[in-house]
Amino acid sequence: MSSPHLMGHGALMTMPFAIGKEQPDKRTKNGARRKAATLKALASTVHFCRQRTRRRIQRKSPTMFGWIHESFRQLVNRKYGRDVWLRILEISNFEEGTECEISHYYKDEDTMRIVNAMANIIGVPVEEVWEAYGGFLIQFTLETGWDELLRAMAQDLEGFLDSLDSLHYFIDHVVYKTKLKGPSFRCEPQNDGSLLLHYYSKRSGLYPIVKGVVREVARRLYDTDVVMKVQERKQEHLDTTVAEHVVFTIQQVDNGSGHASRSITTKSALDMQPESFPGPCALPLRDFCIAFPHHLCFDRDLFLEHFGLIIIP
């Protein structure tokens, strides 16, 4: 089943429709009508996706970078109060009102001044500030309209972490139209049900954010608690740059009954599924089109079989 979002962003294929030279018979005419309906549906899909994406970009772009500072401001104000935030601004040489402009891009040095000032005032290491920010980042993201997307990413924590690269690409290149390259993640499930998480970043020292993010994602999205530890941290040459490579171990917390409440790995989740499944779903086509309003369904010859109600109202 093809995704209209992907097709709307340039993944539309050229379809090999062959046109016969003989006089058209009834079958040929029916085939021509089906081809015309297919092309019409595809054109409507592309137009719909482009219009929807354009409206989304106009509404949100470019808000990502100032949004990071805004989430820091929210964290401090909620946990420590506005007076502490004003002291942080004073130390980091920011005038109130200029530190978290949503449409403004801030350099890494600007963000580090805020983080270092926060660590000095609160009296904790910078690593703990980043870790606390990682946890709050998920809370704030869920509050600001990204909850449905995050909850739909995967059925378990392993799948979520393996999808983070795609999420970063979507946010940077599609939503905000930037050319930044975010961190990269790779999971390795272990035989004991734990995970090894590989984290790669061109920015050194930000790995504590990952610990806060993963713990909060596990708790809020997958109803389980995990313990994360840094197993290895090193510098690696990737292409023409040097990246920080951190390996985390992720272990579920026993809920007291001798096992974790919910598996964090895909393998363990599949082991819990029944060996046999019922026959084909007898969902009526009309109900299917209502349940999946953006879908397109083709047969083996790439003729359009049916489509969602939103594609061609």
Protein backbone atom coordinates (compact mmCIF):
# COMPACT_ATOMS: atom_id res chain seq x y z
CA MET A 1 0.00 0.00 0.00
CA SER A 2 1.65 3.20 -1.14
CA SER A 3 1.98 6.16 1.16
CA PRO A 4 0.52 9.40 -0.24
CA HIS A 5 2.98 11.39 1.87
CA LEU A 6 5.95 9.76 0.19
CA MET A 7 4.39 10.16 -3.21
CA GLY A 8 3.72 13.81 -2.50
CA HIS A 9 7.43 14.45 -1.85
CA GLY A 10 8.87 13.20 -5.09
CA ALA A 11 8.68 9.42 -4.80
CA LEU A 12 6.01 9.17 -7.48
CA MET A 13 6.98 6.54 -10.02
CA THR A 14 6.46 6.70 -13.77
CA MET A 15 3.94 3.98 -14.52
CA PRO A 16 4.48 1.80 -17.62
CA PHE A 17 1.10 1.94 -19.29
CA ALA A 18 1.21 0.30 -22.73
CA ILE A 19 -1.14 1.63 -25.39
CA GLY A 20 -2.06 -0.88 -28.10
CA LYS A 21 -2.14 -0.02 -31.81
CA GLU A 22 -5.14 -2.17 -32.69
CA GLN A 23 -8.66 -0.81 -32.90
CA PRO A 24 -9.93 -0.39 -29.34
CA ASP A 25 -12.36 -3.09 -28.26
CA LYS A 26 -14.56 -3.01 -25.18
CA ARG A 27 -11.80 -4.38 -22.99
CA THR A 28 -9.37 -1.75 -24.27
CA LYS A 29 -11.86 1.01 -23.60
CA ASN A 30 -12.41 -0.26 -20.05
CA GLY A 31 -8.66 -0.39 -19.55
CA ALA A 32 -8.31 3.16 -20.82
CA ARG A 33 -10.95 4.36 -18.39
CA ARG A 34 -9.17 2.60 -15.53
CA LYS A 35 -5.89 4.20 -16.55
CA ALA A 36 -7.53 7.60 -16.64
CA ALA A 37 -9.04 7.06 -13.19
CA THR A 38 -5.66 5.94 -11.87
CA LEU A 39 -3.86 8.99 -13.24
CA LYS A 40 -6.59 11.29 -11.91
CA ALA A 41 -6.30 9.76 -8.44
CA LEU A 42 -2.51 10.07 -8.49
CA ALA A 43 -2.66 13.69 -9.60
CA SER A 44 -5.18 14.46 -6.88
CA THR A 45 -2.98 12.71 -4.29
CA VAL A 46 0.11 14.68 -5.27
CA HIS A 47 -1.83 17.96 -5.20
CA PHE A 48 -3.37 17.15 -1.81
CA CYS A 49 -0.02 16.21 -0.23
CA ARG A 50 1.78 19.25 -1.61
CA GLN A 51 -0.92 21.63 -0.40
CA ARG A 52 -0.99 20.01 3.04
CA THR A 53 2.79 20.09 3.36
CA ARG A 54 2.93 23.72 2.19
CA ARG A 55 0.37 24.78 4.80
CA ARG A 56 2.25 22.90 7.53
CA ILE A 57 5.59 24.44 6.61
CA GLN A 58 4.12 27.94 6.43
CA ARG A 59 2.57 27.47 9.85
CA LYS A 60 5.64 26.10 11.66
CA SER A 61 8.75 27.09 9.76
CA PRO A 62 11.30 28.13 10.82
CA THR A 63 10.56 27.42 14.51
CA MET A 64 12.84 24.57 15.50
CA PHE A 65 15.87 26.36 16.86
CA GLY A 66 14.19 29.01 18.98
CA TRP A 67 11.88 26.26 20.15
CA ILE A 68 14.85 24.53 21.80
CA HIS A 69 15.59 27.62 23.88
CA GLU A 70 11.89 27.98 24.65
CA SER A 71 11.80 24.43 26.00
CA PHE A 72 14.78 25.28 28.23
CA ARG A 73 12.91 28.34 29.50
CA GLN A 74 9.83 26.23 30.22
CA LEU A 75 11.93 23.68 32.11
CA VAL A 76 13.53 26.28 34.37
CA ASN A 77 10.35 28.26 34.99
CA ARG A 78 8.33 25.18 35.90
CA LYS A 79 10.95 23.57 38.13
CA TYR A 80 12.86 26.49 39.64
CA GLY A 81 10.84 29.64 38.95
CA ARG A 82 11.15 32.76 36.84
CA ASP A 83 13.74 34.41 39.10
CA VAL A 84 16.20 31.59 38.42
CA TRP A 85 15.64 31.98 34.68
CA LEU A 86 16.35 35.72 34.89
CA ARG A 87 19.62 34.99 36.70
CA ILE A 88 20.55 32.51 33.98
CA LEU A 89 19.90 35.16 31.33
CA GLU A 90 22.04 37.67 33.20
CA ILE A 91 25.00 35.31 33.46
CA SER A 92 24.69 34.15 29.84
CA ASN A 93 24.45 37.76 28.57
CA PHE A 94 20.94 37.49 27.16
CA GLU A 95 18.34 40.23 27.40
CA GLU A 96 14.93 38.89 28.41
CA GLY A 97 12.77 38.42 25.35
CA THR A 98 15.67 37.76 22.99
CA GLU A 99 16.76 34.40 24.38
CA CYS A 100 13.98 32.25 22.94
CA GLU A 101 12.62 33.86 19.79
CA ILE A 102 10.82 31.01 18.07
CA SER A 103 11.79 32.06 14.54
CA HIS A 104 15.45 32.74 15.37
CA TYR A 105 18.39 30.42 14.84
CA TYR A 106 20.79 30.30 17.79
CA LYS A 107 24.39 29.15 17.53
CA ASP A 108 25.62 26.26 19.64
CA GLU A 109 27.69 28.73 21.67
CA ASP A 110 24.52 30.63 22.63
CA THR A 111 22.86 27.47 23.87
CA MET A 112 25.96 26.39 25.78
CA ARG A 113 26.05 29.74 27.61
CA ILE A 114 22.54 29.09 28.88
CA VAL A 115 23.34 25.50 29.87
CA ASN A 116 26.55 26.44 31.70
CA ALA A 117 24.80 29.28 33.53
CA MET A 118 22.00 26.93 34.55
CA ALA A 119 24.49 24.37 35.87
CA ASN A 120 26.34 27.03 37.91
CA ILE A 121 23.20 28.51 39.46
CA ILE A 122 21.52 25.21 40.28
CA GLY A 123 24.78 23.63 41.40
CA VAL A 124 24.81 20.48 39.27
CA PRO A 125 27.17 19.19 36.56
CA VAL A 126 26.45 20.18 32.97
CA GLU A 127 25.80 16.51 32.16
CA GLU A 128 22.89 16.46 34.62
CA VAL A 129 21.44 19.58 33.02
CA TRP A 130 21.46 17.92 29.61
CA GLU A 131 19.94 14.74 31.01
CA ALA A 132 17.14 16.66 32.73
CA TYR A 133 16.56 18.58 29.51
CA GLY A 134 16.27 15.31 27.56
CA GLY A 135 13.50 14.11 29.84
CA PHE A 136 11.65 17.42 29.73
CA LEU A 137 12.10 17.60 25.95
CA ILE A 138 9.80 14.60 25.49
CA GLN A 139 7.21 16.03 27.88
CA PHE A 140 7.25 19.41 26.13
CA THR A 141 7.14 17.78 22.67
CA LEU A 142 4.06 15.78 23.62
CA GLU A 143 2.41 18.94 24.94
CA THR A 144 3.05 20.97 21.78
CA GLY A 145 1.30 18.85 19.18
CA TRP A 146 3.72 16.05 18.31
CA ASP A 147 2.11 13.42 20.55
CA GLU A 148 0.22 11.55 17.81
CA LEU A 149 3.31 11.25 15.64
CA LEU A 150 5.51 9.98 18.48
CA ARG A 151 2.93 7.46 19.68
CA ALA A 152 2.52 6.06 16.16
CA MET A 153 6.24 5.55 15.45
CA ALA A 154 6.66 1.98 16.74
CA GLN A 155 5.14 -0.73 18.91
CA ASP A 156 8.14 -0.95 21.25
CA LEU A 157 11.16 1.02 22.41
CA GLU A 158 13.57 -0.74 20.04
CA GLY A 159 11.46 0.21 17.03
CA PHE A 160 11.12 3.78 18.28
CA LEU A 161 14.88 4.22 18.63
CA ASP A 162 15.53 2.67 15.21
CA SER A 163 13.06 5.20 13.73
CA LEU A 164 14.74 8.28 15.21
CA ASP A 165 16.95 8.87 12.17
CA SER A 166 13.88 9.01 9.94
CA LEU A 167 12.14 11.32 12.41
CA HIS A 168 15.09 13.72 12.44
CA TYR A 169 15.21 13.71 8.65
CA PHE A 170 11.47 14.40 8.40
CA ILE A 171 11.60 17.29 10.86
CA ASP A 172 14.76 18.88 9.44
CA HIS A 173 14.21 18.41 5.72
CA VAL A 174 10.42 18.25 5.29
CA VAL A 175 8.84 20.28 8.09
CA TYR A 176 11.49 22.98 8.61
CA LYS A 177 13.30 22.77 5.25
CA THR A 178 16.77 22.88 6.82
CA LYS A 179 19.92 21.04 5.75
CA LEU A 180 21.11 20.13 9.22
CA LYS A 181 22.16 16.60 10.06
CA GLY A 182 21.04 15.41 13.45
CA PRO A 183 22.42 12.54 15.51
CA SER A 184 22.14 8.94 14.36
CA PHE A 185 20.91 5.92 16.34
CA ARG A 186 21.23 2.16 15.96
CA CYS A 187 19.86 -0.56 18.26
CA GLU A 188 21.16 -4.05 18.94
CA PRO A 189 18.76 -6.37 20.83
CA GLN A 190 20.51 -8.70 23.28
CA ASN A 191 19.60 -12.26 24.24
CA ASP A 192 18.67 -11.20 27.78
CA GLY A 193 16.01 -8.76 26.50
CA SER A 194 18.16 -5.66 26.93
CA LEU A 195 19.29 -3.27 24.21
CA LEU A 196 22.58 -1.80 23.08
CA LEU A 197 22.01 1.68 21.69
CA HIS A 198 24.67 3.22 19.44
CA TYR A 199 24.58 7.02 19.31
CA TYR A 200 26.59 9.05 16.79
CA SER A 201 26.83 12.83 16.84
CA LYS A 202 29.10 15.51 15.41
CA ARG A 203 28.52 17.46 18.63
CA SER A 204 30.56 16.19 21.54
CA GLY A 205 29.19 16.03 25.07
CA LEU A 206 25.44 15.99 24.34
CA TYR A 207 24.97 12.26 24.95
CA PRO A 208 23.29 12.78 28.38
CA ILE A 209 20.27 14.14 26.48
CA VAL A 210 19.79 10.64 25.08
CA LYS A 211 19.53 9.14 28.57
CA GLY A 212 16.79 11.56 29.55
CA VAL A 213 14.94 11.13 26.26
CA VAL A 214 14.98 7.32 26.29
CA ARG A 215 13.85 7.00 29.90
CA GLU A 216 10.97 9.42 29.35
CA VAL A 217 9.92 7.78 26.08
CA ALA A 218 9.89 4.36 27.76
CA ARG A 219 7.79 5.68 30.64
CA ARG A 220 5.32 7.87 28.73
CA LEU A 221 4.90 5.94 25.47
CA TYR A 222 5.54 2.32 26.46
CA ASP A 223 4.54 2.26 30.13
CA THR A 224 7.81 0.80 31.39
CA ASP A 225 10.90 1.94 33.26
CA VAL A 226 14.45 1.44 32.02
CA VAL A 227 17.96 1.89 33.37
CA MET A 228 20.58 3.33 31.01
CA LYS A 229 24.34 3.17 31.41
CA VAL A 230 27.19 4.35 29.21
CA GLN A 231 29.16 1.28 28.18
CA GLU A 232 31.62 2.96 25.81
CA ARG A 233 32.41 6.46 24.56
CA LYS A 234 34.88 7.22 21.79
CA GLN A 235 35.64 9.39 18.78
CA GLU A 236 35.30 7.91 15.30
CA HIS A 237 36.04 9.11 11.78
CA LEU A 238 32.87 9.08 9.67
CA ASP A 239 33.36 10.10 6.05
CA THR A 240 35.25 13.40 6.31
CA THR A 241 34.23 14.30 9.87
CA VAL A 242 34.86 13.13 13.41
CA ALA A 243 31.82 11.97 15.38
CA GLU A 244 31.28 11.00 18.98
CA HIS A 245 30.17 7.38 19.30
CA VAL A 246 28.51 6.43 22.58
CA VAL A 247 27.21 2.94 23.34
CA PHE A 248 24.43 2.70 25.94
CA THR A 249 23.02 -0.37 27.66
CA ILE A 250 19.26 -0.22 28.18
CA GLN A 251 17.78 -2.61 30.72
CA GLN A 252 14.16 -2.85 31.80
CA VAL A 253 13.28 -2.46 35.45
CA ASP A 254 11.58 -5.46 37.06
CA ASN A 255 8.07 -4.50 38.16
CA GLY A 256 8.23 -6.79 41.19
CA SER A 257 6.48 -9.78 39.61
CA GLY A 258 9.66 -11.31 38.21
CA HIS A 259 9.37 -9.76 34.76
CA ALA A 260 9.07 -6.37 33.12
CA SER A 261 5.60 -4.98 32.43
CA ARG A 262 6.16 -4.58 28.67
CA SER A 263 8.90 -5.72 26.34
CA ILE A 264 11.28 -3.12 24.91
CA THR A 265 12.52 -5.32 22.05
CA THR A 266 10.72 -6.38 18.89
CA LYS A 267 11.93 -9.97 19.21
CA SER A 268 10.43 -10.37 22.68
CA ALA A 269 7.20 -8.74 21.57
CA LEU A 270 6.90 -11.16 18.63
CA ASP A 271 7.51 -14.12 20.94
CA MET A 272 4.35 -13.14 22.81
CA GLN A 273 2.17 -13.26 19.67
CA PRO A 274 0.00 -16.32 18.93
CA GLU A 275 1.40 -18.89 16.49
CA SER A 276 -1.72 -18.93 14.33
CA PHE A 277 -3.90 -16.09 13.15
CA PRO A 278 -7.53 -15.98 11.96
CA GLY A 279 -8.42 -15.86 8.28
CA PRO A 280 -8.68 -12.74 6.10
CA CYS A 281 -10.36 -9.73 7.64
CA ALA A 282 -13.93 -9.38 6.39
CA LEU A 283 -13.93 -5.59 6.66
CA PRO A 284 -16.28 -4.14 4.02
CA LEU A 285 -14.57 -2.00 1.39
CA ARG A 286 -16.60 1.08 2.35
CA ASP A 287 -15.51 0.79 5.99
CA PHE A 288 -11.90 0.22 4.89
CA CYS A 289 -11.96 3.44 2.84
CA ILE A 290 -13.33 5.33 5.84
CA ALA A 291 -10.72 3.85 8.19
CA PHE A 292 -7.86 4.67 5.77
CA PRO A 293 -8.96 7.88 4.03
CA HIS A 294 -5.56 8.57 2.42
CA HIS A 295 -4.83 5.13 0.97
CA LEU A 296 -4.32 4.01 -2.63
CA CYS A 297 -4.60 0.32 -3.57
CA PHE A 298 -3.26 -1.07 -6.87
CA ASP A 299 -3.48 -4.53 -8.40
CA ARG A 300 -0.48 -6.44 -9.77
CA ASP A 301 -0.76 -4.61 -13.10
CA LEU A 302 -0.68 -1.23 -11.30
CA PHE A 303 -4.33 -0.52 -12.01
CA LEU A 304 -6.10 1.41 -9.29
CA GLU A 305 -8.46 -0.83 -7.32
CA HIS A 306 -9.76 1.58 -4.70
CA PHE A 307 -8.71 4.66 -2.73
CA GLY A 308 -9.49 6.62 0.42
CA LEU A 309 -12.37 9.07 0.64
CA ILE A 310 -10.06 12.09 0.99
CA ILE A 311 -8.10 11.35 -2.20
CA ILE A 312 -11.02 12.20 -4.51
CA PRO A 313 -13.89 13.65 -2.42
